[in-house]
Amino acid sequence: MVGGGPQSDNVIHRMAMDDPIPWWKKPHLRNMYLLLFPCVIGIEMTSGFDSQIINSAQLLPAWKEYFGHPTGGYSGILASALPLGSVLGLPFIPLINDNFGRRWCIMFGSCIMIIGTIIQGFSKNAPMYIIARAIIGFGLPYAIVAGSCLIGELAYPKERPILTSLFNACYFIGAIVAAGCTFGTQRIKNDWSWRIPSLLQMAPSLLQVVFVFFLPESPRYLMSKDRLEEAKNVLIHYHAEGNADSEFVKAEIAEIKVTLEIELEHSKQSWADMIRTAGMRRRVLIGSLLGLFTQLSGNVVISYFLGDVLKLIGYTDPSFQTKYNLGNQCWSLVCGVSAAMVVMRFRRRTMYLTGIFSILAVYVGWTVCTAVFIAHKNPVAAKFSLFWIYAYSPAYNLCFNALTYTYLVEIFPYAQRARGIAIFQFWGKAAQFFGTNVNPIGTQAIGWKYLLVYCCWIFAEAALIWFLWPETSNRSLEELAFLFENKEDLARLQQKREETEQGVGELDHEKHSVVHERQV
């Protein structure tokens, strides 16, 4: 088992944690965080909106009539066209993200999603609807990869884990809006009952297009392009509130600069870098497994095919299904935000292991209750099944929702971060494509026994997390850049860190001497 290791003594992490001034009392930092929400943190609202567009649309008589009452594989491809489009777009993301910057990558992905959403809302037939969803899927990971990188690289170290955790929590805002909108439009007795929610899916992308260039570019990206003065100005303005003499920013600039030098001298910033060293292969394995786990832990069953599982336990009324679904999305938002707020209080491995074993317990309980209802038509078992579906949300949010992008930003160094998150997205979208196609076939073919498959798979996930996941909490991004690397690079970084800490210490001593002389 991989141990957590001792807590970091990194000067930047220590100075950030000891900073007594909260972010809301820092005007520049506060303004940046408020801008991050609509144009970066809100990117995942599109994913949440999409899951509920499909989940809720399947409950609408007009949608089912228009697309010929889809079931089985046909139902699966209507849902899975978006992740299929994502898989096709992923290989090209680093070209834009690393060459043109995080903001332009977000802008590109958002514009593609707007085009796809318009086509989706005005689809004339199923092929047009499927192509439109694939276009949305093509653009989505550009915004997700660039957005998650930008949050981690702009945020003040003290708030970085919380902000990257809130990135995924915004999924449920989109899901709630979509579920609520569809609940309202179900009273429309024509095609606009599903066309209106389909067109509203562009709302998060419009926010990103309008606001993204009000944000600064990533200082790490700027330094990697030898735009050192611009990077310094960003860090001084937002991390030191305009104080060019800030000891914290001087230490931050020094560590980012030396870390990038070490990273880039060993990197060609190509896909080959992802398998060049044992450390990078370890990262790729963890990122790939995390992509699979976030989509194959039973969540797709609830997100996309809730109506099918509710029918298994006797709840066939569309009105009840829609209300239950809306309530579940609201509950999930509460759980997601709560998990993000406590991410600084617990170690990463503790949260992952607690979450995955909780998911396993929920699925076992849900499977048993569903089986009892089907065998004996026991209404109490059906109600317990409703409870277990709700209980799934806090378990899933504790690990896979709260920690996903926090962990990815931490385990992948700057030079490979975009490709690392793209690999995660590839396996996640591939798993989503697989799940959205297989789940309706599985539930239709073997009913409640299909839940047993997830019970076995989730147990395997728990074992892999136990043995493979390293601890990353309480360390700076630059320190984590060498989490798995050779001793030579670690020694060079440690030497530079000691020089930085010595310089900060001398500045601190000089400052106290001046104060003492003035007092005398």
Protein backbone atom coordinates (compact mmCIF):
# COMPACT_ATOMS: atom_id res chain seq x y z
CA MET A 1 0.00 0.00 0.00
CA VAL A 2 1.22 3.48 -0.82
CA GLY A 3 1.70 5.49 2.31
CA GLY A 4 0.80 9.10 2.82
CA GLY A 5 4.22 10.24 3.90
CA PRO A 6 5.06 13.16 6.18
CA GLN A 7 3.44 16.54 5.83
CA SER A 8 5.27 18.94 3.55
CA ASP A 9 7.62 21.57 4.94
CA ASN A 10 7.50 23.50 1.68
CA VAL A 11 7.89 27.24 2.28
CA ILE A 12 5.12 28.25 -0.15
CA HIS A 13 2.61 25.82 1.32
CA ARG A 14 3.55 26.85 4.86
CA MET A 15 3.30 30.59 4.14
CA ALA A 16 -0.07 30.16 2.38
CA MET A 17 -1.53 28.09 5.20
CA ASP A 18 -0.31 30.62 7.79
CA ASP A 19 -1.83 33.56 5.92
CA PRO A 20 -4.41 34.97 8.40
CA ILE A 21 -6.34 37.05 5.84
CA PRO A 22 -9.28 35.16 4.25
CA TRP A 23 -9.80 35.37 0.49
CA TRP A 24 -12.97 37.46 0.74
CA LYS A 25 -10.97 40.28 2.39
CA LYS A 26 -8.54 40.40 -0.56
CA PRO A 27 -10.26 42.48 -3.29
CA HIS A 28 -8.19 41.28 -6.28
CA LEU A 29 -8.31 37.62 -5.30
CA ARG A 30 -12.02 37.87 -4.49
CA ASN A 31 -12.78 39.37 -7.89
CA MET A 32 -10.85 36.61 -9.63
CA TYR A 33 -12.70 33.88 -7.71
CA LEU A 34 -16.05 35.47 -8.53
CA LEU A 35 -15.09 35.46 -12.22
CA LEU A 36 -13.85 31.88 -12.04
CA PHE A 37 -17.36 30.66 -11.28
CA PRO A 38 -19.25 31.58 -14.46
CA CYS A 39 -16.43 31.07 -16.94
CA VAL A 40 -14.39 28.19 -15.49
CA ILE A 41 -15.87 26.46 -12.45
CA GLY A 42 -19.24 26.38 -14.23
CA ILE A 43 -17.92 24.36 -17.20
CA GLU A 44 -19.09 21.09 -15.65
CA MET A 45 -22.66 22.46 -15.60
CA THR A 46 -22.81 21.38 -19.25
CA SER A 47 -22.06 17.76 -18.28
CA GLY A 48 -24.73 17.81 -15.59
CA PHE A 49 -27.22 19.47 -17.92
CA ASP A 50 -26.58 16.80 -20.54
CA SER A 51 -27.12 13.86 -18.21
CA GLN A 52 -30.50 15.22 -17.20
CA ILE A 53 -31.48 16.18 -20.75
CA ILE A 54 -31.32 12.49 -21.62
CA ASN A 55 -32.61 11.22 -18.28
CA SER A 56 -35.57 13.62 -18.19
CA ALA A 57 -36.29 13.58 -21.93
CA GLN A 58 -36.92 9.84 -21.76
CA LEU A 59 -39.83 10.63 -19.43
CA LEU A 60 -41.40 13.06 -21.93
CA PRO A 61 -44.11 11.57 -24.19
CA ALA A 62 -43.28 14.00 -27.03
CA TRP A 63 -39.56 13.04 -27.05
CA LYS A 64 -40.36 9.32 -27.04
CA GLU A 65 -42.90 9.77 -29.82
CA TYR A 66 -40.55 11.92 -31.96
CA PHE A 67 -37.68 9.41 -31.75
CA GLY A 68 -39.81 6.27 -32.04
CA HIS A 69 -39.88 5.12 -28.39
CA PRO A 70 -36.16 4.22 -28.21
CA THR A 71 -35.11 1.18 -26.15
CA GLY A 72 -32.00 -0.97 -25.79
CA GLY A 73 -29.13 -0.09 -28.14
CA TYR A 74 -31.05 2.73 -29.86
CA SER A 75 -31.66 4.39 -26.49
CA GLY A 76 -27.99 3.88 -25.67
CA ILE A 77 -26.62 5.61 -28.79
CA LEU A 78 -28.88 8.63 -28.25
CA ALA A 79 -27.31 9.03 -24.81
CA SER A 80 -23.76 8.00 -25.69
CA ALA A 81 -23.23 10.22 -28.74
CA LEU A 82 -21.80 12.96 -26.48
CA PRO A 83 -19.00 10.85 -24.90
CA LEU A 84 -18.24 9.43 -28.35
CA GLY A 85 -17.65 12.96 -29.64
CA SER A 86 -15.45 13.68 -26.61
CA VAL A 87 -13.23 10.68 -27.34
CA LEU A 88 -12.73 11.89 -30.93
CA GLY A 89 -11.66 15.38 -29.82
CA LEU A 90 -9.29 14.49 -26.98
CA PRO A 91 -6.02 13.86 -28.88
CA PHE A 92 -5.93 17.46 -30.14
CA ILE A 93 -6.60 19.26 -26.84
CA PRO A 94 -2.94 19.74 -25.79
CA LEU A 95 -2.18 21.41 -29.14
CA ILE A 96 -4.51 24.29 -28.27
CA ASN A 97 -4.15 24.22 -24.49
CA ASP A 98 -0.33 24.25 -24.40
CA ASN A 99 0.29 26.42 -27.48
CA PHE A 100 -2.46 29.06 -27.27
CA GLY A 101 -3.19 29.04 -23.54
CA ARG A 102 -5.93 27.93 -21.18
CA ARG A 103 -8.36 30.73 -22.03
CA TRP A 104 -8.30 30.19 -25.80
CA CYS A 105 -8.84 26.47 -25.28
CA ILE A 106 -11.93 27.21 -23.14
CA MET A 107 -13.18 29.65 -25.79
CA PHE A 108 -12.69 27.10 -28.59
CA GLY A 109 -14.52 24.33 -26.73
CA SER A 110 -17.38 26.64 -25.71
CA CYS A 111 -17.97 27.84 -29.29
CA ILE A 112 -18.11 24.24 -30.53
CA MET A 113 -20.64 23.37 -27.81
CA ILE A 114 -22.86 26.33 -28.73
CA ILE A 115 -22.95 25.18 -32.36
CA GLY A 116 -23.80 21.61 -31.32
CA THR A 117 -26.53 22.77 -28.95
CA ILE A 118 -28.26 24.81 -31.64
CA ILE A 119 -28.27 21.81 -33.98
CA GLN A 120 -29.56 19.58 -31.15
CA GLY A 121 -32.44 21.91 -30.35
CA PHE A 122 -33.58 22.07 -33.98
CA SER A 123 -32.95 18.42 -34.91
CA LYS A 124 -35.26 17.04 -37.58
CA ASN A 125 -34.52 13.37 -36.98
CA ALA A 126 -32.50 10.94 -34.85
CA PRO A 127 -29.26 11.05 -36.94
CA MET A 128 -29.20 14.85 -36.72
CA TYR A 129 -29.81 14.66 -32.95
CA ILE A 130 -26.98 12.12 -32.54
CA ILE A 131 -24.54 14.20 -34.61
CA ALA A 132 -25.43 17.34 -32.65
CA ARG A 133 -24.72 15.58 -29.36
CA ALA A 134 -21.39 14.33 -30.74
CA ILE A 135 -20.45 17.93 -31.64
CA ILE A 136 -21.26 19.05 -28.08
CA GLY A 137 -19.15 16.17 -26.80
CA PHE A 138 -16.26 17.15 -29.08
CA GLY A 139 -16.10 20.65 -27.59
CA LEU A 140 -16.74 19.77 -23.94
CA PRO A 141 -13.35 18.25 -23.00
CA TYR A 142 -11.47 21.24 -24.45
CA ALA A 143 -13.19 23.44 -21.90
CA ILE A 144 -12.93 20.86 -19.09
CA VAL A 145 -9.20 20.17 -19.51
CA ALA A 146 -8.26 23.84 -19.87
CA GLY A 147 -10.63 24.95 -17.11
CA SER A 148 -9.38 22.46 -14.53
CA CYS A 149 -5.76 23.41 -15.36
CA LEU A 150 -6.54 27.13 -15.09
CA ILE A 151 -8.24 26.79 -11.70
CA GLY A 152 -5.33 24.85 -10.22
CA GLU A 153 -2.72 27.21 -11.67
CA LEU A 154 -4.44 30.52 -10.81
CA ALA A 155 -5.80 29.76 -7.35
CA TYR A 156 -4.00 30.83 -4.18
CA PRO A 157 -2.55 27.60 -2.69
CA LYS A 158 -4.73 27.88 0.41
CA GLU A 159 -7.98 27.65 -1.60
CA ARG A 160 -6.80 25.55 -4.57
CA PRO A 161 -8.16 22.14 -3.36
CA ILE A 162 -11.57 23.64 -2.56
CA LEU A 163 -11.88 25.41 -5.93
CA THR A 164 -10.85 22.37 -7.96
CA SER A 165 -13.33 20.31 -5.93
CA LEU A 166 -16.14 22.79 -6.60
CA PHE A 167 -15.39 22.41 -10.34
CA ASN A 168 -17.06 18.99 -10.36
CA ALA A 169 -19.79 20.01 -7.90
CA CYS A 170 -21.14 22.44 -10.52
CA TYR A 171 -22.23 19.36 -12.47
CA PHE A 172 -25.30 19.27 -10.24
CA ILE A 173 -26.24 22.89 -10.90
CA GLY A 174 -26.60 22.00 -14.57
CA ALA A 175 -28.44 18.80 -13.65
CA ILE A 176 -30.92 20.67 -11.42
CA VAL A 177 -31.63 23.33 -14.05
CA ALA A 178 -32.16 20.65 -16.70
CA ALA A 179 -34.36 18.48 -14.46
CA GLY A 180 -36.39 21.50 -13.31
CA CYS A 181 -36.75 22.86 -16.84
CA THR A 182 -37.88 19.49 -18.18
CA PHE A 183 -40.30 19.11 -15.28
CA GLY A 184 -41.87 22.43 -16.34
CA THR A 185 -41.88 21.77 -20.08
CA GLN A 186 -43.50 18.31 -19.69
CA ARG A 187 -46.83 20.16 -19.68
CA ILE A 188 -46.16 21.31 -23.27
CA LYS A 189 -47.90 18.79 -25.51
CA ASN A 190 -45.60 19.16 -28.51
CA ASP A 191 -41.93 18.90 -29.50
CA TRP A 192 -40.98 22.09 -27.70
CA SER A 193 -41.23 20.14 -24.45
CA TRP A 194 -37.79 18.70 -25.27
CA ARG A 195 -36.47 21.33 -27.71
CA ILE A 196 -36.50 24.12 -25.10
CA PRO A 197 -34.30 22.21 -22.59
CA SER A 198 -32.06 21.11 -25.46
CA LEU A 199 -31.42 24.72 -26.49
CA LEU A 200 -30.86 25.85 -22.90
CA GLN A 201 -27.87 23.52 -22.74
CA MET A 202 -25.80 26.29 -24.37
CA ALA A 203 -26.22 28.61 -21.34
CA PRO A 204 -22.97 27.61 -19.53
CA SER A 205 -20.99 27.88 -22.77
CA LEU A 206 -22.36 31.37 -23.39
CA LEU A 207 -21.16 32.41 -19.93
CA GLN A 208 -17.68 31.10 -20.73
CA VAL A 209 -17.54 32.93 -24.06
CA VAL A 210 -18.58 36.22 -22.44
CA PHE A 211 -16.39 36.11 -19.32
CA VAL A 212 -13.30 33.98 -19.99
CA PHE A 213 -11.04 36.80 -21.23
CA PHE A 214 -11.76 38.85 -18.11
CA LEU A 215 -9.60 36.27 -16.31
CA PRO A 216 -5.78 36.33 -16.34
CA GLU A 217 -3.86 33.60 -18.15
CA SER A 218 -2.16 30.86 -16.14
CA PRO A 219 1.17 32.17 -14.76
CA ARG A 220 2.71 28.73 -15.30
CA TYR A 221 1.70 28.82 -18.97
CA LEU A 222 3.15 32.33 -19.29
CA MET A 223 6.45 31.27 -17.71
CA SER A 224 6.65 28.23 -19.99
CA LYS A 225 6.46 30.65 -22.96
CA ASP A 226 9.22 32.93 -21.48
CA ARG A 227 6.67 35.63 -20.64
CA LEU A 228 8.12 36.03 -17.17
CA GLU A 229 7.05 39.63 -16.54
CA GLU A 230 3.42 38.87 -17.40
CA ALA A 231 3.48 35.87 -15.07
CA LYS A 232 4.99 37.96 -12.27
CA ASN A 233 2.33 40.63 -12.72
CA VAL A 234 -0.46 38.04 -12.46
CA LEU A 235 0.97 36.55 -9.25
CA ILE A 236 1.69 39.96 -7.72
CA HIS A 237 -1.79 41.29 -8.55
CA TYR A 238 -3.80 38.30 -7.34
CA HIS A 239 -1.63 36.46 -4.80
CA ALA A 240 -0.10 39.57 -3.18
CA GLU A 241 -2.82 42.17 -3.80
CA GLY A 242 -0.42 44.30 -5.85
CA ASN A 243 2.51 44.17 -3.43
CA ALA A 244 5.59 43.68 -5.63
CA ASP A 245 7.77 43.15 -2.52
CA SER A 246 5.70 40.21 -1.27
CA GLU A 247 7.96 37.49 0.13
CA PHE A 248 5.34 34.88 -0.74
CA VAL A 249 5.22 35.83 -4.43
CA LYS A 250 9.03 35.94 -4.66
CA ALA A 251 9.20 32.42 -3.25
CA GLU A 252 6.35 31.29 -5.52
CA ILE A 253 7.98 32.68 -8.68
CA ALA A 254 11.34 31.13 -7.81
CA GLU A 255 9.88 27.67 -7.22
CA ILE A 256 7.62 27.71 -10.29
CA LYS A 257 10.53 28.85 -12.46
CA VAL A 258 12.99 26.18 -11.32
CA THR A 259 10.37 23.43 -11.42
CA LEU A 260 9.40 24.32 -15.00
CA GLU A 261 13.08 24.37 -16.00
CA ILE A 262 13.60 20.89 -14.60
CA GLU A 263 10.35 19.58 -16.12
CA LEU A 264 10.84 21.06 -19.57
CA GLU A 265 14.47 20.04 -19.96
CA HIS A 266 13.34 16.39 -19.72
CA SER A 267 10.14 16.93 -21.72
CA LYS A 268 9.37 17.37 -25.41
CA GLN A 269 5.74 18.15 -24.48
CA SER A 270 4.53 15.29 -26.65
CA TRP A 271 2.40 12.20 -26.07
CA ALA A 272 5.61 10.14 -25.85
CA ASP A 273 6.39 11.92 -22.55
CA MET A 274 3.45 10.11 -20.97
CA ILE A 275 5.25 6.75 -21.09
CA ARG A 276 8.89 7.86 -21.10
CA THR A 277 9.58 7.30 -17.37
CA ALA A 278 8.29 4.96 -14.69
CA GLY A 279 6.86 7.93 -12.79
CA MET A 280 4.83 9.12 -15.77
CA ARG A 281 3.59 5.61 -16.50
CA ARG A 282 2.39 5.42 -12.90
CA ARG A 283 0.54 8.72 -13.32
CA VAL A 284 -1.04 7.59 -16.59
CA LEU A 285 -2.24 4.37 -14.95
CA ILE A 286 -3.84 6.26 -12.05
CA GLY A 287 -5.40 8.86 -14.38
CA SER A 288 -6.79 6.16 -16.67
CA LEU A 289 -8.26 4.16 -13.79
CA LEU A 290 -9.74 7.32 -12.29
CA GLY A 291 -11.45 8.00 -15.62
CA LEU A 292 -12.96 4.52 -15.62
CA PHE A 293 -13.98 4.69 -11.96
CA THR A 294 -15.76 8.05 -12.25
CA GLN A 295 -18.11 6.59 -14.90
CA LEU A 296 -18.30 2.88 -14.01
CA SER A 297 -19.11 3.12 -10.32
CA GLY A 298 -22.85 2.89 -10.93
CA ASN A 299 -23.46 6.61 -11.34
CA VAL A 300 -24.42 6.37 -15.05
CA VAL A 301 -27.31 4.07 -14.09
CA ILE A 302 -28.76 6.83 -11.90
CA SER A 303 -27.78 9.78 -14.09
CA TYR A 304 -29.02 8.51 -17.45
CA PHE A 305 -31.43 5.63 -16.77
CA LEU A 306 -33.16 6.44 -13.49
CA GLY A 307 -36.56 5.82 -15.09
CA ASP A 308 -35.59 2.23 -15.89
CA VAL A 309 -34.42 1.40 -12.36
CA LEU A 310 -37.50 3.03 -10.83
CA LYS A 311 -39.69 0.83 -13.02
CA LEU A 312 -37.92 -2.23 -11.57
CA ILE A 313 -39.30 -1.34 -8.12
CA GLY A 314 -42.81 -0.44 -9.31
CA TYR A 315 -42.57 3.36 -9.70
CA THR A 316 -43.80 3.89 -13.26
CA ASP A 317 -45.64 7.23 -12.96
CA PRO A 318 -43.70 9.85 -15.05
CA SER A 319 -44.70 12.66 -12.66
CA PHE A 320 -43.26 10.80 -9.64
CA GLN A 321 -40.12 9.87 -11.56
CA THR A 322 -39.52 13.48 -12.59
CA LYS A 323 -40.05 14.83 -9.05
CA TYR A 324 -37.84 12.13 -7.55
CA ASN A 325 -35.14 12.87 -10.09
CA LEU A 326 -35.27 16.62 -9.41
CA GLY A 327 -35.06 16.00 -5.66
CA ASN A 328 -32.08 13.70 -6.16
CA GLN A 329 -30.20 16.35 -8.16
CA CYS A 330 -30.82 18.99 -5.47
CA TRP A 331 -29.62 16.55 -2.81
CA SER A 332 -26.55 15.75 -4.92
CA LEU A 333 -25.66 19.46 -5.15
CA VAL A 334 -25.77 19.73 -1.35
CA CYS A 335 -23.55 16.65 -1.05
CA GLY A 336 -21.13 17.84 -3.75
CA VAL A 337 -20.62 21.30 -2.25
CA SER A 338 -20.33 19.86 1.29
CA ALA A 339 -17.66 17.39 0.14
CA ALA A 340 -15.73 20.22 -1.56
CA MET A 341 -15.82 22.30 1.62
CA VAL A 342 -14.20 19.57 3.74
CA VAL A 343 -11.52 18.56 1.25
CA MET A 344 -8.86 20.50 3.22
CA ARG A 345 -9.72 18.69 6.46
CA PHE A 346 -8.96 15.13 5.36
CA ARG A 347 -6.21 13.33 3.51
CA ARG A 348 -6.89 12.38 -0.10
CA ARG A 349 -6.54 8.62 0.41
CA THR A 350 -8.84 8.74 3.43
CA MET A 351 -11.58 10.39 1.39
CA TYR A 352 -11.13 8.06 -1.58
CA LEU A 353 -11.22 4.89 0.50
CA THR A 354 -14.14 6.06 2.66
CA GLY A 355 -16.08 7.04 -0.46
CA ILE A 356 -15.48 3.85 -2.46
CA PHE A 357 -16.35 1.51 0.41
CA SER A 358 -19.49 3.60 1.05
CA ILE A 359 -20.45 3.23 -2.62
CA LEU A 360 -19.99 -0.52 -2.32
CA ALA A 361 -22.22 -0.67 0.78
CA VAL A 362 -24.91 1.39 -0.98
CA TYR A 363 -24.91 -0.83 -4.07
CA VAL A 364 -25.12 -4.01 -2.00
CA GLY A 365 -28.07 -2.60 -0.03
CA TRP A 366 -29.79 -1.36 -3.19
CA THR A 367 -29.33 -4.71 -4.96
CA VAL A 368 -30.73 -6.69 -2.02
CA CYS A 369 -33.78 -4.45 -1.62
CA THR A 370 -34.55 -4.50 -5.36
CA ALA A 371 -34.27 -8.30 -5.42
CA VAL A 372 -36.58 -8.64 -2.42
CA PHE A 373 -39.20 -6.37 -4.03
CA ILE A 374 -39.15 -8.27 -7.33
CA ALA A 375 -39.35 -11.64 -5.56
CA HIS A 376 -42.03 -10.76 -2.99
CA LYS A 377 -43.55 -7.43 -4.17
CA ASN A 378 -42.64 -6.01 -0.78
CA PRO A 379 -43.43 -2.24 -0.73
CA VAL A 380 -41.02 -1.65 2.16
CA ALA A 381 -38.16 -3.04 0.06
CA ALA A 382 -39.14 -0.66 -2.76
CA LYS A 383 -39.02 2.32 -0.40
CA PHE A 384 -35.62 1.21 0.89
CA SER A 385 -34.43 1.08 -2.72
CA LEU A 386 -35.45 4.75 -3.06
CA PHE A 387 -33.41 5.47 0.07
CA TRP A 388 -30.29 3.71 -1.28
CA ILE A 389 -30.44 5.71 -4.52
CA TYR A 390 -30.34 8.89 -2.44
CA ALA A 391 -27.62 7.44 -0.20
CA TYR A 392 -25.43 6.92 -3.26
CA SER A 393 -24.89 10.66 -3.71
CA PRO A 394 -22.91 11.49 -0.52
CA ALA A 395 -20.77 8.38 -1.04
CA TYR A 396 -19.92 9.23 -4.67
CA ASN A 397 -19.40 12.92 -3.98
CA LEU A 398 -16.99 12.26 -1.14
CA CYS A 399 -14.38 10.81 -3.50
CA PHE A 400 -15.03 10.87 -7.24
CA ASN A 401 -16.84 14.19 -7.40
CA ALA A 402 -14.94 16.23 -4.82
CA LEU A 403 -11.44 14.95 -5.50
CA THR A 404 -11.27 14.10 -9.21
CA TYR A 405 -9.79 17.33 -10.62
CA THR A 406 -8.05 18.23 -7.38
CA TYR A 407 -6.18 14.93 -7.59
CA LEU A 408 -5.47 15.14 -11.33
CA VAL A 409 -4.01 18.65 -11.06
CA GLU A 410 -1.83 17.43 -8.18
CA ILE A 411 -0.45 14.20 -9.67
CA PHE A 412 0.39 15.54 -13.15
CA PRO A 413 3.22 18.13 -13.46
CA TYR A 414 2.72 21.25 -15.58
CA ALA A 415 4.43 19.95 -18.75
CA GLN A 416 2.13 16.91 -18.90
CA ARG A 417 -0.94 18.25 -17.08
CA ALA A 418 -3.11 18.89 -20.16
CA ARG A 419 -2.27 15.48 -21.65
CA GLY A 420 -2.79 13.78 -18.30
CA ILE A 421 -6.26 15.24 -17.85
CA ALA A 422 -7.00 14.46 -21.52
CA ILE A 423 -6.10 10.80 -20.86
CA PHE A 424 -8.42 10.85 -17.84
CA GLN A 425 -11.15 12.32 -20.04
CA PHE A 426 -10.54 9.69 -22.73
CA TRP A 427 -11.08 6.79 -20.35
CA GLY A 428 -13.93 8.58 -18.60
CA LYS A 429 -15.80 9.33 -21.83
CA ALA A 430 -15.05 5.86 -23.20
CA ALA A 431 -16.47 4.36 -20.00
CA GLN A 432 -19.48 6.67 -20.24
CA PHE A 433 -20.02 5.61 -23.87
CA PHE A 434 -19.78 1.97 -22.81
CA GLY A 435 -22.10 2.45 -19.83
CA THR A 436 -24.78 4.40 -21.66
CA ASN A 437 -24.92 1.69 -24.35
CA VAL A 438 -24.65 -1.35 -22.09
CA ASN A 439 -26.80 -0.22 -19.13
CA PRO A 440 -30.16 -0.16 -20.97
CA ILE A 441 -29.36 -3.54 -22.57
CA GLY A 442 -28.24 -5.01 -19.23
CA THR A 443 -31.23 -3.83 -17.23
CA GLN A 444 -33.59 -4.99 -19.98
CA ALA A 445 -31.93 -8.42 -20.28
CA ILE A 446 -31.31 -9.46 -16.66
CA GLY A 447 -33.17 -6.86 -14.59
CA TRP A 448 -32.04 -6.41 -11.00
CA LYS A 449 -29.21 -8.93 -11.41
CA TYR A 450 -27.41 -6.32 -13.48
CA LEU A 451 -26.77 -4.44 -10.21
CA LEU A 452 -24.71 -7.44 -9.03
CA VAL A 453 -22.21 -6.72 -11.81
CA TYR A 454 -21.63 -3.27 -10.34
CA CYS A 455 -21.19 -4.68 -6.84
CA CYS A 456 -18.33 -6.89 -8.04
CA TRP A 457 -16.73 -4.14 -10.11
CA ILE A 458 -16.89 -1.55 -7.29
CA PHE A 459 -15.12 -4.03 -4.99
CA ALA A 460 -12.33 -4.30 -7.60
CA GLU A 461 -12.13 -0.48 -7.72
CA ALA A 462 -11.70 -0.34 -3.94
CA ALA A 463 -8.79 -2.81 -4.10
CA LEU A 464 -7.02 -0.83 -6.85
CA ILE A 465 -7.42 2.47 -4.98
CA TRP A 466 -6.06 0.84 -1.81
CA PHE A 467 -2.87 -0.33 -3.52
CA LEU A 468 -2.20 2.37 -6.15
CA TRP A 469 -3.37 5.79 -4.94
CA PRO A 470 -0.59 7.96 -3.38
CA GLU A 471 -1.19 10.73 -0.84
CA THR A 472 -0.94 14.27 -2.28
CA SER A 473 -2.38 16.55 0.41
CA ASN A 474 -0.44 19.37 2.12
CA ARG A 475 2.02 19.90 -0.75
CA SER A 476 2.51 22.57 -3.41
CA LEU A 477 2.02 21.82 -7.12
CA GLU A 478 5.75 22.27 -7.71
CA GLU A 479 6.61 19.83 -4.95
CA LEU A 480 4.14 17.28 -6.34
CA ALA A 481 5.74 17.60 -9.80
CA PHE A 482 8.38 15.14 -8.54
CA LEU A 483 6.08 12.81 -6.62
CA PHE A 484 7.35 9.74 -8.51
CA GLU A 485 10.54 11.13 -10.05
CA ASN A 486 14.23 10.35 -9.69
CA LYS A 487 16.42 11.44 -6.80
CA GLU A 488 18.50 13.81 -8.95
CA ASP A 489 15.53 16.02 -9.81
CA LEU A 490 14.36 15.93 -6.21
CA ALA A 491 17.81 16.98 -5.02
CA ARG A 492 17.89 19.91 -7.46
CA LEU A 493 14.46 21.08 -6.41
CA GLN A 494 15.37 20.72 -2.73
CA GLN A 495 18.55 22.77 -3.24
CA LYS A 496 16.62 25.54 -4.96
CA ARG A 497 13.93 25.39 -2.27
CA GLU A 498 16.56 25.80 0.45
CA GLU A 499 17.99 28.79 -1.40
CA THR A 500 14.49 30.27 -1.67
CA GLU A 501 13.74 29.66 2.00
CA GLN A 502 17.09 31.18 2.97
CA GLY A 503 16.32 34.26 0.90
CA VAL A 504 12.87 34.57 2.45
CA GLY A 505 14.40 34.14 5.90
CA GLU A 506 16.94 36.90 5.24
CA LEU A 507 14.19 39.22 3.99
CA ASP A 508 12.15 38.44 7.06
CA HIS A 509 15.12 39.09 9.38
CA GLU A 510 15.92 42.36 7.57
CA LYS A 511 12.29 43.48 7.87
CA HIS A 512 12.24 42.79 11.62
CA SER A 513 15.58 44.60 12.06
CA VAL A 514 14.21 47.73 10.36
CA VAL A 515 11.09 47.62 12.53
CA HIS A 516 13.24 47.21 15.66
CA GLU A 517 15.48 50.17 14.69
CA ARG A 518 12.42 52.36 14.13
CA GLN A 519 11.04 51.38 17.51
CA VAL A 520 14.37 52.22 19.20
